[in-house]
Amino acid sequence: MDEQTGVTAQPRRTRAEIEQIVTEFEGSGLGRAEFCRRHSISLGTLNRYLKRMREQSHGGPGQDGLVPVELTGTESAADSDNVCGLVVVLSGGGRIEVGAGFHAATLKRLIHLIESM
């Protein structure tokens, strides 16, 4: 403990400990703030761990984390009178629904923003 500030320094966590915390968070079904309260870690620390793990799993910073998809169905969107748009399910369980005529660049920016939270 630092006698001047009264703060106890926490030892650095190993990579395995960080991976375990991230895995526990992802499986907990809790929001970030509630998970942090229950596990006595700061929100900033959890966010840093999540970002680090995301960068490692996607090949580092600069990767947008998007994956190619295949559209299936019997009708093309142009032939359909009832166009439903698009539903994107994010790796953390988030969900984005957009209607027909969405702007792809805006969707990409939105996904990036949500994943950086």
C-alpha atoms as a PDB file:
ATOM      1  CA  MET A   1       0.000   0.000   0.000  1.00  0.00           C
ATOM      2  CA  ASP A   2       1.232   3.479  -0.849  1.00  0.00           C
ATOM      3  CA  GLU A   3       1.295   5.361   2.440  1.00  0.00           C
ATOM      4  CA  GLN A   4       0.746   8.744   0.781  1.00  0.00           C
ATOM      5  CA  THR A   5      -2.344   7.838  -1.239  1.00  0.00           C
ATOM      6  CA  GLY A   6      -3.671   4.861   0.718  1.00  0.00           C
ATOM      7  CA  VAL A   7      -4.031   2.869  -2.519  1.00  0.00           C
ATOM      8  CA  THR A   8      -2.998  -0.762  -2.769  1.00  0.00           C
ATOM      9  CA  ALA A   9      -1.409  -1.695  -6.101  1.00  0.00           C
ATOM     10  CA  GLN A  10      -2.971  -4.722  -7.763  1.00  0.00           C
ATOM     11  CA  PRO A  11      -0.561  -7.260  -9.288  1.00  0.00           C
ATOM     12  CA  ARG A  12      -0.696  -7.565 -13.077  1.00  0.00           C
ATOM     13  CA  ARG A  13      -2.949 -10.304 -14.356  1.00  0.00           C
ATOM     14  CA  THR A  14      -1.550 -13.005 -16.614  1.00  0.00           C
ATOM     15  CA  ARG A  15      -2.856 -13.515 -20.138  1.00  0.00           C
ATOM     16  CA  ALA A  16      -4.679 -16.643 -18.906  1.00  0.00           C
ATOM     17  CA  GLU A  17      -6.370 -14.655 -16.122  1.00  0.00           C
ATOM     18  CA  ILE A  18      -7.464 -11.990 -18.610  1.00  0.00           C
ATOM     19  CA  GLU A  19      -8.874 -14.635 -20.960  1.00  0.00           C
ATOM     20  CA  GLN A  20     -10.756 -16.195 -18.047  1.00  0.00           C
ATOM     21  CA  ILE A  21     -12.276 -12.838 -17.022  1.00  0.00           C
ATOM     22  CA  VAL A  22     -13.395 -12.159 -20.601  1.00  0.00           C
ATOM     23  CA  THR A  23     -14.838 -15.661 -20.946  1.00  0.00           C
ATOM     24  CA  GLU A  24     -16.695 -15.311 -17.639  1.00  0.00           C
ATOM     25  CA  PHE A  25     -18.098 -11.939 -18.700  1.00  0.00           C
ATOM     26  CA  GLU A  26     -19.250 -13.206 -22.101  1.00  0.00           C
ATOM     27  CA  GLY A  27     -20.970 -16.183 -20.492  1.00  0.00           C
ATOM     28  CA  SER A  28     -22.456 -14.294 -17.572  1.00  0.00           C
ATOM     29  CA  GLY A  29     -25.314 -12.556 -19.367  1.00  0.00           C
ATOM     30  CA  LEU A  30     -24.601  -9.500 -17.197  1.00  0.00           C
ATOM     31  CA  GLY A  31     -24.036  -5.959 -18.341  1.00  0.00           C
ATOM     32  CA  ARG A  32     -20.497  -4.639 -18.070  1.00  0.00           C
ATOM     33  CA  ALA A  33     -21.131  -2.443 -15.027  1.00  0.00           C
ATOM     34  CA  GLU A  34     -22.885  -5.215 -13.068  1.00  0.00           C
ATOM     35  CA  PHE A  35     -20.188  -7.768 -13.944  1.00  0.00           C
ATOM     36  CA  CYS A  36     -17.492  -5.330 -12.769  1.00  0.00           C
ATOM     37  CA  ARG A  37     -19.286  -4.699  -9.488  1.00  0.00           C
ATOM     38  CA  ARG A  38     -19.662  -8.415  -8.797  1.00  0.00           C
ATOM     39  CA  HIS A  39     -16.032  -9.183  -9.688  1.00  0.00           C
ATOM     40  CA  SER A  40     -14.444  -6.070  -8.159  1.00  0.00           C
ATOM     41  CA  ILE A  41     -12.755  -4.821 -11.307  1.00  0.00           C
ATOM     42  CA  SER A  42     -13.067  -1.422 -12.903  1.00  0.00           C
ATOM     43  CA  LEU A  43     -15.153  -0.890 -16.013  1.00  0.00           C
ATOM     44  CA  GLY A  44     -12.097   0.555 -17.780  1.00  0.00           C
ATOM     45  CA  THR A  45     -10.113  -2.600 -17.030  1.00  0.00           C
ATOM     46  CA  LEU A  46     -12.842  -4.865 -18.401  1.00  0.00           C
ATOM     47  CA  ASN A  47     -13.183  -2.703 -21.511  1.00  0.00           C
ATOM     48  CA  ARG A  48      -9.417  -2.844 -22.076  1.00  0.00           C
ATOM     49  CA  TYR A  49      -9.439  -6.650 -21.695  1.00  0.00           C
ATOM     50  CA  LEU A  50     -12.371  -7.012 -24.106  1.00  0.00           C
ATOM     51  CA  LYS A  51     -10.674  -4.779 -26.667  1.00  0.00           C
ATOM     52  CA  ARG A  52      -7.394  -6.673 -26.335  1.00  0.00           C
ATOM     53  CA  MET A  53      -9.096 -10.054 -26.790  1.00  0.00           C
ATOM     54  CA  ARG A  54     -11.135  -8.768 -29.770  1.00  0.00           C
ATOM     55  CA  GLU A  55      -7.983  -7.454 -31.450  1.00  0.00           C
ATOM     56  CA  GLN A  56      -6.190 -10.756 -30.893  1.00  0.00           C
ATOM     57  CA  SER A  57      -9.088 -12.794 -32.263  1.00  0.00           C
ATOM     58  CA  HIS A  58      -9.479 -10.579 -35.339  1.00  0.00           C
ATOM     59  CA  GLY A  59      -5.804 -10.346 -36.195  1.00  0.00           C
ATOM     60  CA  GLY A  60      -5.018  -7.065 -34.456  1.00  0.00           C
ATOM     61  CA  PRO A  61      -6.110  -3.459 -34.690  1.00  0.00           C
ATOM     62  CA  GLY A  62      -7.220  -2.278 -38.085  1.00  0.00           C
ATOM     63  CA  GLN A  63      -9.376  -5.318 -38.754  1.00  0.00           C
ATOM     64  CA  ASP A  64     -13.032  -4.403 -38.941  1.00  0.00           C
ATOM     65  CA  GLY A  65     -14.242  -7.761 -37.633  1.00  0.00           C
ATOM     66  CA  LEU A  66     -16.753  -8.189 -40.449  1.00  0.00           C
ATOM     67  CA  VAL A  67     -17.198 -11.600 -41.987  1.00  0.00           C
ATOM     68  CA  PRO A  68     -18.491 -12.517 -45.423  1.00  0.00           C
ATOM     69  CA  VAL A  69     -22.092 -13.736 -45.558  1.00  0.00           C
ATOM     70  CA  GLU A  70     -24.211 -15.508 -48.093  1.00  0.00           C
ATOM     71  CA  LEU A  71     -27.756 -14.326 -48.711  1.00  0.00           C
ATOM     72  CA  THR A  72     -30.244 -17.107 -49.283  1.00  0.00           C
ATOM     73  CA  GLY A  73     -33.859 -17.195 -50.270  1.00  0.00           C
ATOM     74  CA  THR A  74     -36.155 -17.855 -53.180  1.00  0.00           C
ATOM     75  CA  GLU A  75     -36.709 -14.238 -54.220  1.00  0.00           C
ATOM     76  CA  SER A  76     -34.288 -11.410 -54.727  1.00  0.00           C
ATOM     77  CA  ALA A  77     -34.950  -8.257 -52.718  1.00  0.00           C
ATOM     78  CA  ALA A  78     -35.827  -6.421 -55.918  1.00  0.00           C
ATOM     79  CA  ASP A  79     -38.556  -8.966 -56.729  1.00  0.00           C
ATOM     80  CA  SER A  80     -40.120  -8.921 -53.283  1.00  0.00           C
ATOM     81  CA  ASP A  81     -42.951  -6.593 -52.291  1.00  0.00           C
ATOM     82  CA  ASN A  82     -42.263  -7.236 -48.609  1.00  0.00           C
ATOM     83  CA  VAL A  83     -38.573  -6.427 -48.138  1.00  0.00           C
ATOM     84  CA  CYS A  84     -37.559  -7.151 -44.556  1.00  0.00           C
ATOM     85  CA  GLY A  85     -34.118  -5.562 -44.514  1.00  0.00           C
ATOM     86  CA  LEU A  86     -31.299  -7.059 -42.510  1.00  0.00           C
ATOM     87  CA  VAL A  87     -30.609  -8.381 -39.014  1.00  0.00           C
ATOM     88  CA  VAL A  88     -27.011  -8.428 -37.717  1.00  0.00           C
ATOM     89  CA  VAL A  89     -26.218 -10.439 -34.587  1.00  0.00           C
ATOM     90  CA  LEU A  90     -22.930  -9.317 -33.016  1.00  0.00           C
ATOM     91  CA  SER A  91     -20.459 -11.624 -31.301  1.00  0.00           C
ATOM     92  CA  GLY A  92     -21.329 -10.219 -27.868  1.00  0.00           C
ATOM     93  CA  GLY A  93     -25.014 -10.972 -28.395  1.00  0.00           C
ATOM     94  CA  GLY A  94     -25.987  -7.488 -29.582  1.00  0.00           C
ATOM     95  CA  ARG A  95     -28.493  -7.235 -32.413  1.00  0.00           C
ATOM     96  CA  ILE A  96     -28.977  -4.594 -35.107  1.00  0.00           C
ATOM     97  CA  GLU A  97     -32.008  -4.567 -37.382  1.00  0.00           C
ATOM     98  CA  VAL A  98     -32.200  -2.292 -40.412  1.00  0.00           C
ATOM     99  CA  GLY A  99     -34.869  -1.840 -43.019  1.00  0.00           C
ATOM    100  CA  ALA A 100     -34.577  -1.941 -46.781  1.00  0.00           C
ATOM    101  CA  GLY A 101     -32.456   0.759 -48.372  1.00  0.00           C
ATOM    102  CA  PHE A 102     -29.961   1.073 -45.497  1.00  0.00           C
ATOM    103  CA  HIS A 103     -26.618   2.792 -46.092  1.00  0.00           C
ATOM    104  CA  ALA A 104     -23.853   0.144 -45.824  1.00  0.00           C
ATOM    105  CA  ALA A 105     -21.117   2.560 -44.671  1.00  0.00           C
ATOM    106  CA  THR A 106     -23.342   3.819 -41.855  1.00  0.00           C
ATOM    107  CA  LEU A 107     -24.042   0.250 -40.738  1.00  0.00           C
ATOM    108  CA  LYS A 108     -20.314  -0.520 -40.724  1.00  0.00           C
ATOM    109  CA  ARG A 109     -19.610   2.567 -38.565  1.00  0.00           C
ATOM    110  CA  LEU A 110     -22.417   1.575 -36.173  1.00  0.00           C
ATOM    111  CA  ILE A 111     -21.056  -1.954 -35.759  1.00  0.00           C
ATOM    112  CA  HIS A 112     -17.567  -0.588 -35.103  1.00  0.00           C
ATOM    113  CA  LEU A 113     -18.934   1.826 -32.489  1.00  0.00           C
ATOM    114  CA  ILE A 114     -20.913  -0.873 -30.688  1.00  0.00           C
ATOM    115  CA  GLU A 115     -17.998  -3.314 -30.637  1.00  0.00           C
ATOM    116  CA  SER A 116     -15.663  -0.658 -29.224  1.00  0.00           C
ATOM    117  CA  MET A 117     -17.931  -0.104 -26.195  1.00  0.00           C
END
